[in-house]
Amino acid sequence: MGLLETARDALKDLPVSDILRERLSLALDQATASEKKIDEEEADPEHHSQLRGADAPLRG
């Protein structure tokens, strides 16, 4: 179980108002979506060349 899933499970047991719980849940949803997008972009080799520029030399 990942960190976001653990946080989501812990959120269920926190003694907070429904509004705060909903806002925290929304923040976790956004974090999950961002994490997924980052994973997809890192897996795309074309994305890496766009980040460093097509004519930029490789460093390393």
PDB file of N, CA and C in Angstrom:
ATOM      1  N   MET A   1       0.850  -1.173   0.000  1.00  0.00           N
ATOM      2  CA  MET A   1       0.000   0.000   0.000  1.00  0.00           C
ATOM      3  C   MET A   1       0.896   1.236   0.000  1.00  0.00           C
ATOM      4  N   GLY A   2       0.598   2.149  -0.895  1.00  0.00           N
ATOM      5  CA  GLY A   2       1.393   3.355  -1.030  1.00  0.00           C
ATOM      6  C   GLY A   2       1.013   4.419  -0.011  1.00  0.00           C
ATOM      7  N   LEU A   3       1.788   5.469  -0.016  1.00  0.00           N
ATOM      8  CA  LEU A   3       1.583   6.563   0.929  1.00  0.00           C
ATOM      9  C   LEU A   3       0.213   7.223   0.754  1.00  0.00           C
ATOM     10  N   LEU A   4      -0.191   7.445  -0.494  1.00  0.00           N
ATOM     11  CA  LEU A   4      -1.487   8.094  -0.726  1.00  0.00           C
ATOM     12  C   LEU A   4      -2.652   7.215  -0.273  1.00  0.00           C
ATOM     13  N   GLU A   5      -2.539   5.906  -0.492  1.00  0.00           N
ATOM     14  CA  GLU A   5      -3.599   4.997  -0.047  1.00  0.00           C
ATOM     15  C   GLU A   5      -3.664   4.949   1.474  1.00  0.00           C
ATOM     16  N   THR A   6      -2.495   4.974   2.122  1.00  0.00           N
ATOM     17  CA  THR A   6      -2.452   4.987   3.580  1.00  0.00           C
ATOM     18  C   THR A   6      -3.099   6.257   4.122  1.00  0.00           C
ATOM     19  N   ALA A   7      -2.794   7.387   3.495  1.00  0.00           N
ATOM     20  CA  ALA A   7      -3.389   8.658   3.918  1.00  0.00           C
ATOM     21  C   ALA A   7      -4.896   8.637   3.721  1.00  0.00           C
ATOM     22  N   ARG A   8      -5.340   8.066   2.620  1.00  0.00           N
ATOM     23  CA  ARG A   8      -6.782   7.998   2.342  1.00  0.00           C
ATOM     24  C   ARG A   8      -7.490   7.131   3.399  1.00  0.00           C
ATOM     25  N   ASP A   9      -6.872   6.016   3.776  1.00  0.00           N
ATOM     26  CA  ASP A   9      -7.460   5.165   4.813  1.00  0.00           C
ATOM     27  C   ASP A   9      -7.475   5.865   6.169  1.00  0.00           C
ATOM     28  N   ALA A  10      -6.399   6.580   6.485  1.00  0.00           N
ATOM     29  CA  ALA A  10      -6.332   7.295   7.761  1.00  0.00           C
ATOM     30  C   ALA A  10      -7.364   8.413   7.815  1.00  0.00           C
ATOM     31  N   LEU A  11      -7.656   9.002   6.687  1.00  0.00           N
ATOM     32  CA  LEU A  11      -8.622  10.101   6.618  1.00  0.00           C
ATOM     33  C   LEU A  11     -10.005   9.659   7.096  1.00  0.00           C
ATOM     34  N   LYS A  12     -10.332   8.399   6.859  1.00  0.00           N
ATOM     35  CA  LYS A  12     -11.642   7.888   7.258  1.00  0.00           C
ATOM     36  C   LYS A  12     -11.826   7.915   8.774  1.00  0.00           C
ATOM     37  N   ASP A  13     -10.723   7.757   9.510  1.00  0.00           N
ATOM     38  CA  ASP A  13     -10.801   7.650  10.965  1.00  0.00           C
ATOM     39  C   ASP A  13     -10.505   8.951  11.703  1.00  0.00           C
ATOM     40  N   LEU A  14     -10.135   9.995  10.985  1.00  0.00           N
ATOM     41  CA  LEU A  14      -9.817  11.263  11.640  1.00  0.00           C
ATOM     42  C   LEU A  14     -11.088  11.954  12.136  1.00  0.00           C
ATOM     43  N   PRO A  15     -11.036  12.495  13.344  1.00  0.00           N
ATOM     44  CA  PRO A  15     -12.200  13.219  13.863  1.00  0.00           C
ATOM     45  C   PRO A  15     -12.218  14.664  13.354  1.00  0.00           C
ATOM     46  N   VAL A  16     -12.598  14.828  12.084  1.00  0.00           N
ATOM     47  CA  VAL A  16     -12.657  16.160  11.480  1.00  0.00           C
ATOM     48  C   VAL A  16     -14.038  16.356  10.856  1.00  0.00           C
ATOM     49  N   SER A  17     -14.338  17.596  10.531  1.00  0.00           N
ATOM     50  CA  SER A  17     -15.639  17.895   9.929  1.00  0.00           C
ATOM     51  C   SER A  17     -15.728  17.289   8.529  1.00  0.00           C
ATOM     52  N   ASP A  18     -16.944  17.120   8.062  1.00  0.00           N
ATOM     53  CA  ASP A  18     -17.163  16.556   6.729  1.00  0.00           C
ATOM     54  C   ASP A  18     -16.558  17.439   5.643  1.00  0.00           C
ATOM     55  N   ILE A  19     -16.632  18.757   5.830  1.00  0.00           N
ATOM     56  CA  ILE A  19     -16.082  19.679   4.830  1.00  0.00           C
ATOM     57  C   ILE A  19     -14.571  19.518   4.733  1.00  0.00           C
ATOM     58  N   LEU A  20     -13.913  19.469   5.886  1.00  0.00           N
ATOM     59  CA  LEU A  20     -12.459  19.302   5.891  1.00  0.00           C
ATOM     60  C   LEU A  20     -12.071  17.943   5.313  1.00  0.00           C
ATOM     61  N   ARG A  21     -12.822  16.917   5.670  1.00  0.00           N
ATOM     62  CA  ARG A  21     -12.552  15.574   5.144  1.00  0.00           C
ATOM     63  C   ARG A  21     -12.685  15.561   3.617  1.00  0.00           C
ATOM     64  N   GLU A  22     -13.695  16.245   3.092  1.00  0.00           N
ATOM     65  CA  GLU A  22     -13.895  16.298   1.641  1.00  0.00           C
ATOM     66  C   GLU A  22     -12.759  17.048   0.955  1.00  0.00           C
ATOM     67  N   ARG A  23     -12.306  18.143   1.570  1.00  0.00           N
ATOM     68  CA  ARG A  23     -11.192  18.913   0.990  1.00  0.00           C
ATOM     69  C   ARG A  23      -9.904  18.094   0.997  1.00  0.00           C
ATOM     70  N   LEU A  24      -9.661  17.373   2.080  1.00  0.00           N
ATOM     71  CA  LEU A  24      -8.479  16.514   2.142  1.00  0.00           C
ATOM     72  C   LEU A  24      -8.571  15.384   1.125  1.00  0.00           C
ATOM     73  N   SER A  25      -9.760  14.844   0.965  1.00  0.00           N
ATOM     74  CA  SER A  25      -9.970  13.792  -0.024  1.00  0.00           C
ATOM     75  C   SER A  25      -9.709  14.312  -1.434  1.00  0.00           C
ATOM     76  N   LEU A  26     -10.168  15.516  -1.718  1.00  0.00           N
ATOM     77  CA  LEU A  26      -9.920  16.128  -3.025  1.00  0.00           C
ATOM     78  C   LEU A  26      -8.423  16.332  -3.252  1.00  0.00           C
ATOM     79  N   ALA A  27      -7.718  16.785  -2.225  1.00  0.00           N
ATOM     80  CA  ALA A  27      -6.266  16.976  -2.342  1.00  0.00           C
ATOM     81  C   ALA A  27      -5.565  15.648  -2.615  1.00  0.00           C
ATOM     82  N   LEU A  28      -6.003  14.585  -1.980  1.00  0.00           N
ATOM     83  CA  LEU A  28      -5.422  13.265  -2.232  1.00  0.00           C
ATOM     84  C   LEU A  28      -5.736  12.794  -3.649  1.00  0.00           C
ATOM     85  N   ASP A  29      -6.940  13.073  -4.134  1.00  0.00           N
ATOM     86  CA  ASP A  29      -7.296  12.723  -5.512  1.00  0.00           C
ATOM     87  C   ASP A  29      -6.389  13.453  -6.502  1.00  0.00           C
ATOM     88  N   GLN A  30      -6.147  14.737  -6.245  1.00  0.00           N
ATOM     89  CA  GLN A  30      -5.281  15.523  -7.128  1.00  0.00           C
ATOM     90  C   GLN A  30      -3.843  15.017  -7.072  1.00  0.00           C
ATOM     91  N   ALA A  31      -3.382  14.647  -5.890  1.00  0.00           N
ATOM     92  CA  ALA A  31      -2.029  14.109  -5.754  1.00  0.00           C
ATOM     93  C   ALA A  31      -1.897  12.788  -6.505  1.00  0.00           C
ATOM     94  N   THR A  32      -2.921  11.957  -6.426  1.00  0.00           N
ATOM     95  CA  THR A  32      -2.915  10.683  -7.147  1.00  0.00           C
ATOM     96  C   THR A  32      -2.877  10.918  -8.655  1.00  0.00           C
ATOM     97  N   ALA A  33      -3.671  11.859  -9.132  1.00  0.00           N
ATOM     98  CA  ALA A  33      -3.688  12.170 -10.566  1.00  0.00           C
ATOM     99  C   ALA A  33      -2.341  12.724 -11.018  1.00  0.00           C
ATOM    100  N   SER A  34      -1.745  13.574 -10.211  1.00  0.00           N
ATOM    101  CA  SER A  34      -0.432  14.136 -10.556  1.00  0.00           C
ATOM    102  C   SER A  34       0.635  13.055 -10.586  1.00  0.00           C
ATOM    103  N   GLU A  35       0.589  12.161  -9.608  1.00  0.00           N
ATOM    104  CA  GLU A  35       1.555  11.065  -9.560  1.00  0.00           C
ATOM    105  C   GLU A  35       1.424  10.177 -10.797  1.00  0.00           C
ATOM    106  N   LYS A  36       0.196   9.893 -11.198  1.00  0.00           N
ATOM    107  CA  LYS A  36      -0.043   9.064 -12.381  1.00  0.00           C
ATOM    108  C   LYS A  36       0.489   9.752 -13.638  1.00  0.00           C
ATOM    109  N   LYS A  37       0.245  11.056 -13.756  1.00  0.00           N
ATOM    110  CA  LYS A  37       0.713  11.803 -14.922  1.00  0.00           C
ATOM    111  C   LYS A  37       2.241  11.821 -14.980  1.00  0.00           C
ATOM    112  N   ILE A  38       2.878  12.014 -13.850  1.00  0.00           N
ATOM    113  CA  ILE A  38       4.344  12.008 -13.804  1.00  0.00           C
ATOM    114  C   ILE A  38       4.880  10.646 -14.216  1.00  0.00           C
ATOM    115  N   ASP A  39       4.285   9.581 -13.694  1.00  0.00           N
ATOM    116  CA  ASP A  39       4.716   8.230 -14.060  1.00  0.00           C
ATOM    117  C   ASP A  39       4.575   7.988 -15.558  1.00  0.00           C
ATOM    118  N   GLU A  40       3.467   8.441 -16.144  1.00  0.00           N
ATOM    119  CA  GLU A  40       3.251   8.259 -17.579  1.00  0.00           C
ATOM    120  C   GLU A  40       4.269   9.050 -18.393  1.00  0.00           C
ATOM    121  N   GLU A  41       4.560  10.273 -17.973  1.00  0.00           N
ATOM    122  CA  GLU A  41       5.514  11.102 -18.710  1.00  0.00           C
ATOM    123  C   GLU A  41       6.935  10.573 -18.583  1.00  0.00           C
ATOM    124  N   GLU A  42       7.284  10.038 -17.419  1.00  0.00           N
ATOM    125  CA  GLU A  42       8.619   9.473 -17.241  1.00  0.00           C
ATOM    126  C   GLU A  42       8.801   8.210 -18.074  1.00  0.00           C
ATOM    127  N   ALA A  43       7.729   7.495 -18.321  1.00  0.00           N
ATOM    128  CA  ALA A  43       7.801   6.269 -19.106  1.00  0.00           C
ATOM    129  C   ALA A  43       7.871   6.551 -20.602  1.00  0.00           C
ATOM    130  N   ASP A  44       7.573   7.770 -21.016  1.00  0.00           N
ATOM    131  CA  ASP A  44       7.548   8.149 -22.426  1.00  0.00           C
ATOM    132  C   ASP A  44       8.916   8.686 -22.846  1.00  0.00           C
ATOM    133  N   PRO A  45       9.673   7.944 -23.682  1.00  0.00           N
ATOM    134  CA  PRO A  45      11.002   8.410 -24.093  1.00  0.00           C
ATOM    135  C   PRO A  45      10.953   9.719 -24.877  1.00  0.00           C
ATOM    136  N   GLU A  46       9.881   9.970 -25.604  1.00  0.00           N
ATOM    137  CA  GLU A  46       9.746  11.218 -26.350  1.00  0.00           C
ATOM    138  C   GLU A  46       9.688  12.406 -25.395  1.00  0.00           C
ATOM    139  N   HIS A  47       9.073  12.209 -24.256  1.00  0.00           N
ATOM    140  CA  HIS A  47       8.962  13.281 -23.264  1.00  0.00           C
ATOM    141  C   HIS A  47      10.348  13.693 -22.761  1.00  0.00           C
ATOM    142  N   HIS A  48      11.242  12.730 -22.572  1.00  0.00           N
ATOM    143  CA  HIS A  48      12.584  13.049 -22.086  1.00  0.00           C
ATOM    144  C   HIS A  48      13.331  13.924 -23.074  1.00  0.00           C
ATOM    145  N   SER A  49      13.197  13.655 -24.360  1.00  0.00           N
ATOM    146  CA  SER A  49      13.893  14.479 -25.346  1.00  0.00           C
ATOM    147  C   SER A  49      13.296  15.882 -25.398  1.00  0.00           C
ATOM    148  N   GLN A  50      12.013  16.013 -25.133  1.00  0.00           N
ATOM    149  CA  GLN A  50      11.391  17.338 -25.111  1.00  0.00           C
ATOM    150  C   GLN A  50      11.872  18.144 -23.913  1.00  0.00           C
ATOM    151  N   LEU A  51      12.123  17.474 -22.802  1.00  0.00           N
ATOM    152  CA  LEU A  51      12.566  18.183 -21.610  1.00  0.00           C
ATOM    153  C   LEU A  51      13.957  18.778 -21.778  1.00  0.00           C
ATOM    154  N   ARG A  52      14.854  18.038 -22.397  1.00  0.00           N
ATOM    155  CA  ARG A  52      16.218  18.545 -22.516  1.00  0.00           C
ATOM    156  C   ARG A  52      16.440  19.284 -23.826  1.00  0.00           C
ATOM    157  N   GLY A  53      15.477  19.222 -24.741  1.00  0.00           N
ATOM    158  CA  GLY A  53      15.606  19.881 -26.035  1.00  0.00           C
ATOM    159  C   GLY A  53      16.179  18.912 -27.050  1.00  0.00           C
ATOM    160  N   ALA A  54      15.718  19.018 -28.259  1.00  0.00           N
ATOM    161  CA  ALA A  54      16.124  18.065 -29.294  1.00  0.00           C
ATOM    162  C   ALA A  54      17.599  18.181 -29.633  1.00  0.00           C
ATOM    163  N   ASP A  55      18.167  19.384 -29.529  1.00  0.00           N
ATOM    164  CA  ASP A  55      19.561  19.550 -29.930  1.00  0.00           C
ATOM    165  C   ASP A  55      20.510  19.665 -28.739  1.00  0.00           C
ATOM    166  N   ALA A  56      20.022  19.501 -27.531  1.00  0.00           N
ATOM    167  CA  ALA A  56      20.880  19.613 -26.352  1.00  0.00           C
ATOM    168  C   ALA A  56      21.723  18.354 -26.200  1.00  0.00           C
ATOM    169  N   PRO A  57      23.013  18.514 -25.893  1.00  0.00           N
ATOM    170  CA  PRO A  57      23.860  17.333 -25.700  1.00  0.00           C
ATOM    171  C   PRO A  57      23.505  16.628 -24.389  1.00  0.00           C
ATOM    172  N   LEU A  58      23.727  15.334 -24.377  1.00  0.00           N
ATOM    173  CA  LEU A  58      23.503  14.570 -23.160  1.00  0.00           C
ATOM    174  C   LEU A  58      24.628  14.858 -22.183  1.00  0.00           C
ATOM    175  N   ARG A  59      24.276  14.984 -20.936  1.00  0.00           N
ATOM    176  CA  ARG A  59      25.283  15.200 -19.895  1.00  0.00           C
ATOM    177  C   ARG A  59      25.319  13.969 -19.017  1.00  0.00           C
ATOM    178  N   GLY A  60      26.462  13.702 -18.480  1.00  0.00           N
ATOM    179  CA  GLY A  60      26.468  12.566 -17.580  1.00  0.00           C
ATOM    180  C   GLY A  60      27.768  12.084 -17.318  1.00  0.00           C
TER     181      GLY A  60
END
